[in-house]
Amino acid sequence: MACLLLPSFEAEGQEHGRVKWKRPTQAEADHMASESAITDIILRKGDIVVTDRGFFMFRGFLADGWTGDFIPVPNPMSNARK
C-alpha cells in the first residue's frame, strides 16, 4: 500500500515566521518608482522619464552597458500653464 505525504494546508494561512514590513511613506514610494523608471532596460534614446527629481531624457547607456545617461529637461506642462 502506497502512502503519500501531503503538506498540511492549514499552516498556509498562519502568520508564524513571516516578516511584516511597514508600508513605505509617499516619499519612499515615489523614490522607488523613480529608481525603477531610470533603471528600466527597455528605455530607448530620446525617451522621457518622470522622476521624483524632475523630467529627464534618456541618451543611452554608458560604456559599462548598464548605467543610463540622462539629461534634465524642462517640465513640458510648465509652458502650457502660462
N, C-alpha and C. Protein backbone atom coordinates (compact mmCIF):
# COMPACT_ATOMS: atom_id res chain seq x y z
N MET A 1 0.84 -1.17 0.00
CA MET A 1 0.00 0.00 0.00
C MET A 1 0.89 1.24 0.00
N ALA A 2 0.64 2.13 -0.90
CA ALA A 2 1.43 3.35 -1.02
C ALA A 2 0.83 4.43 -0.14
N CYS A 3 1.70 5.21 0.45
CA CYS A 3 1.25 6.29 1.32
C CYS A 3 1.86 7.60 0.83
N LEU A 4 1.05 8.58 0.58
CA LEU A 4 1.54 9.88 0.13
C LEU A 4 1.61 10.83 1.31
N LEU A 5 2.70 11.55 1.38
CA LEU A 5 2.82 12.57 2.41
C LEU A 5 2.49 13.90 1.78
N LEU A 6 1.41 14.48 2.22
CA LEU A 6 0.97 15.76 1.68
C LEU A 6 1.17 16.83 2.74
N PRO A 7 1.59 18.03 2.31
CA PRO A 7 1.75 19.11 3.28
C PRO A 7 0.40 19.52 3.85
N SER A 8 0.43 19.98 5.07
CA SER A 8 -0.79 20.45 5.70
C SER A 8 -1.12 21.83 5.17
N PHE A 9 -2.33 22.00 4.64
CA PHE A 9 -2.73 23.28 4.10
C PHE A 9 -3.21 24.23 5.19
N GLU A 10 -3.37 23.70 6.39
CA GLU A 10 -3.78 24.54 7.50
C GLU A 10 -2.71 25.56 7.85
N ALA A 11 -1.46 25.20 7.69
CA ALA A 11 -0.35 26.08 8.06
C ALA A 11 -0.17 27.23 7.08
N GLU A 12 -0.73 27.13 5.87
CA GLU A 12 -0.56 28.16 4.85
C GLU A 12 -1.04 29.52 5.31
N GLY A 13 -2.13 29.58 6.00
CA GLY A 13 -2.71 30.85 6.39
C GLY A 13 -2.13 31.42 7.68
N GLN A 14 -1.32 30.67 8.35
CA GLN A 14 -0.77 31.15 9.62
C GLN A 14 0.29 32.21 9.40
N GLU A 15 0.41 33.12 10.33
CA GLU A 15 1.35 34.24 10.22
C GLU A 15 2.70 33.93 10.88
N HIS A 16 2.88 32.77 11.40
CA HIS A 16 4.11 32.44 12.12
C HIS A 16 5.32 32.48 11.19
N GLY A 17 6.34 33.20 11.62
CA GLY A 17 7.59 33.23 10.88
C GLY A 17 7.63 34.17 9.69
N ARG A 18 6.56 34.88 9.43
CA ARG A 18 6.56 35.80 8.29
C ARG A 18 7.11 37.15 8.71
N VAL A 19 7.82 37.77 7.81
CA VAL A 19 8.35 39.11 8.06
C VAL A 19 7.26 40.11 7.70
N LYS A 20 6.98 41.00 8.61
CA LYS A 20 5.98 42.04 8.34
C LYS A 20 6.72 43.35 8.09
N TRP A 21 6.56 43.89 6.90
CA TRP A 21 7.21 45.14 6.52
C TRP A 21 6.24 46.29 6.72
N LYS A 22 6.77 47.42 7.16
CA LYS A 22 5.92 48.59 7.26
C LYS A 22 5.76 49.18 5.86
N ARG A 23 4.64 49.79 5.61
CA ARG A 23 4.38 50.41 4.31
C ARG A 23 5.33 51.59 4.11
N PRO A 24 5.82 51.78 2.88
CA PRO A 24 6.69 52.94 2.65
C PRO A 24 5.90 54.24 2.73
N THR A 25 6.60 55.30 3.09
CA THR A 25 5.97 56.63 3.06
C THR A 25 5.76 57.02 1.61
N GLN A 26 5.01 58.08 1.37
CA GLN A 26 4.78 58.53 0.00
C GLN A 26 6.09 58.91 -0.67
N ALA A 27 6.99 59.57 0.07
CA ALA A 27 8.29 59.96 -0.50
C ALA A 27 9.12 58.73 -0.84
N GLU A 28 9.09 57.71 0.01
CA GLU A 28 9.83 56.48 -0.28
C GLU A 28 9.25 55.77 -1.49
N ALA A 29 7.92 55.73 -1.60
CA ALA A 29 7.28 55.09 -2.75
C ALA A 29 7.61 55.84 -4.04
N ASP A 30 7.61 57.18 -3.98
CA ASP A 30 7.97 57.98 -5.16
C ASP A 30 9.40 57.71 -5.58
N HIS A 31 10.30 57.62 -4.61
CA HIS A 31 11.71 57.36 -4.92
C HIS A 31 11.89 55.97 -5.53
N MET A 32 11.20 54.97 -4.98
CA MET A 32 11.30 53.62 -5.54
C MET A 32 10.77 53.58 -6.97
N ALA A 33 9.69 54.30 -7.25
CA ALA A 33 9.14 54.35 -8.60
C ALA A 33 10.12 55.03 -9.55
N SER A 34 10.76 56.09 -9.08
CA SER A 34 11.74 56.81 -9.90
C SER A 34 12.93 55.92 -10.23
N GLU A 35 13.44 55.22 -9.23
CA GLU A 35 14.57 54.31 -9.45
C GLU A 35 14.20 53.21 -10.44
N SER A 36 12.98 52.71 -10.34
CA SER A 36 12.52 51.69 -11.26
C SER A 36 12.46 52.23 -12.69
N ALA A 37 12.00 53.47 -12.84
CA ALA A 37 11.88 54.07 -14.18
C ALA A 37 13.24 54.30 -14.82
N ILE A 38 14.21 54.80 -14.05
CA ILE A 38 15.51 55.11 -14.67
C ILE A 38 16.41 53.89 -14.85
N THR A 39 16.02 52.76 -14.27
CA THR A 39 16.80 51.54 -14.48
C THR A 39 16.07 50.56 -15.40
N ASP A 40 15.03 51.02 -16.06
CA ASP A 40 14.26 50.17 -16.98
C ASP A 40 15.13 49.79 -18.17
N ILE A 41 15.25 48.51 -18.44
CA ILE A 41 16.14 48.05 -19.51
C ILE A 41 15.56 48.25 -20.91
N ILE A 42 14.29 48.64 -21.01
CA ILE A 42 13.72 48.83 -22.35
C ILE A 42 13.71 50.30 -22.77
N LEU A 43 14.37 51.17 -22.00
CA LEU A 43 14.46 52.58 -22.39
C LEU A 43 15.21 52.70 -23.72
N ARG A 44 14.75 53.63 -24.54
CA ARG A 44 15.41 53.90 -25.83
C ARG A 44 15.82 55.36 -25.87
N LYS A 45 16.82 55.64 -26.66
CA LYS A 45 17.34 57.00 -26.79
C LYS A 45 16.20 57.96 -27.12
N GLY A 46 16.11 59.05 -26.33
CA GLY A 46 15.08 60.05 -26.53
C GLY A 46 13.87 59.89 -25.63
N ASP A 47 13.76 58.75 -24.93
CA ASP A 47 12.64 58.55 -24.00
C ASP A 47 12.71 59.57 -22.87
N ILE A 48 11.55 60.06 -22.45
CA ILE A 48 11.47 60.99 -21.32
C ILE A 48 11.00 60.20 -20.10
N VAL A 49 11.71 60.37 -19.00
CA VAL A 49 11.39 59.68 -17.75
C VAL A 49 11.02 60.73 -16.71
N VAL A 50 9.91 60.52 -16.03
CA VAL A 50 9.47 61.42 -14.97
C VAL A 50 9.89 60.80 -13.64
N THR A 51 10.65 61.55 -12.86
CA THR A 51 11.14 61.04 -11.58
C THR A 51 10.73 61.99 -10.46
N ASP A 52 11.08 61.60 -9.24
CA ASP A 52 10.82 62.48 -8.11
C ASP A 52 11.76 63.69 -8.11
N ARG A 53 12.72 63.70 -9.02
CA ARG A 53 13.66 64.83 -9.16
C ARG A 53 13.41 65.65 -10.42
N GLY A 54 12.37 65.31 -11.17
CA GLY A 54 12.04 66.05 -12.37
C GLY A 54 12.00 65.17 -13.61
N PHE A 55 12.05 65.84 -14.77
CA PHE A 55 11.98 65.16 -16.07
C PHE A 55 13.39 64.98 -16.62
N PHE A 56 13.65 63.79 -17.18
CA PHE A 56 14.96 63.50 -17.76
C PHE A 56 14.79 62.79 -19.08
N MET A 57 15.71 63.09 -20.03
CA MET A 57 15.71 62.40 -21.31
C MET A 57 16.84 61.39 -21.32
N PHE A 58 16.51 60.18 -21.73
CA PHE A 58 17.48 59.10 -21.81
C PHE A 58 18.32 59.27 -23.07
N ARG A 59 19.66 59.30 -22.90
CA ARG A 59 20.55 59.46 -24.05
C ARG A 59 21.23 58.17 -24.45
N GLY A 60 21.05 57.13 -23.68
CA GLY A 60 21.68 55.85 -23.98
C GLY A 60 22.39 55.31 -22.75
N PHE A 61 23.06 54.20 -22.95
CA PHE A 61 23.80 53.58 -21.86
C PHE A 61 25.26 54.00 -21.91
N LEU A 62 25.86 54.11 -20.74
CA LEU A 62 27.28 54.45 -20.66
C LEU A 62 28.11 53.24 -21.07
N ALA A 63 29.42 53.39 -21.06
CA ALA A 63 30.33 52.34 -21.54
C ALA A 63 30.16 51.01 -20.81
N ASP A 64 29.70 51.04 -19.56
CA ASP A 64 29.52 49.79 -18.83
C ASP A 64 28.34 48.97 -19.35
N GLY A 65 27.51 49.59 -20.21
CA GLY A 65 26.38 48.89 -20.79
C GLY A 65 25.19 48.74 -19.87
N TRP A 66 25.27 49.28 -18.67
CA TRP A 66 24.21 49.12 -17.70
C TRP A 66 23.69 50.46 -17.18
N THR A 67 24.61 51.39 -16.95
CA THR A 67 24.25 52.69 -16.38
C THR A 67 23.66 53.59 -17.45
N GLY A 68 22.51 54.18 -17.15
CA GLY A 68 21.85 55.07 -18.09
C GLY A 68 22.43 56.47 -18.05
N ASP A 69 22.45 57.12 -19.20
CA ASP A 69 22.91 58.50 -19.32
C ASP A 69 21.67 59.36 -19.56
N PHE A 70 21.42 60.28 -18.64
CA PHE A 70 20.23 61.13 -18.70
C PHE A 70 20.62 62.60 -18.66
N ILE A 71 19.82 63.43 -19.30
CA ILE A 71 19.97 64.88 -19.17
C ILE A 71 18.63 65.45 -18.71
N PRO A 72 18.67 66.45 -17.84
CA PRO A 72 17.41 67.05 -17.39
C PRO A 72 16.72 67.81 -18.52
N VAL A 73 15.42 67.76 -18.53
CA VAL A 73 14.63 68.53 -19.49
C VAL A 73 13.57 69.30 -18.70
N PRO A 74 13.15 70.47 -19.22
CA PRO A 74 12.13 71.23 -18.51
C PRO A 74 10.79 70.49 -18.52
N ASN A 75 10.00 70.76 -17.51
CA ASN A 75 8.67 70.18 -17.41
C ASN A 75 7.82 70.74 -18.56
N PRO A 76 7.32 69.89 -19.46
CA PRO A 76 6.54 70.39 -20.59
C PRO A 76 5.21 71.02 -20.15
N MET A 77 4.73 70.68 -19.00
CA MET A 77 3.47 71.24 -18.51
C MET A 77 3.64 72.67 -17.98
N SER A 78 4.86 73.06 -17.61
CA SER A 78 5.06 74.40 -17.08
C SER A 78 4.80 75.46 -18.15
N ASN A 79 5.07 75.19 -19.41
CA ASN A 79 4.81 76.12 -20.50
C ASN A 79 3.33 76.18 -20.85
N ALA A 80 2.61 75.08 -20.66
CA ALA A 80 1.19 75.03 -21.00
C ALA A 80 0.34 75.87 -20.05
N ARG A 81 0.82 76.11 -18.86
CA ARG A 81 0.04 76.86 -17.87
C ARG A 81 0.16 78.36 -18.03
N LYS A 82 1.12 78.83 -18.81
CA LYS A 82 1.34 80.28 -18.97
C LYS A 82 0.38 80.89 -19.94
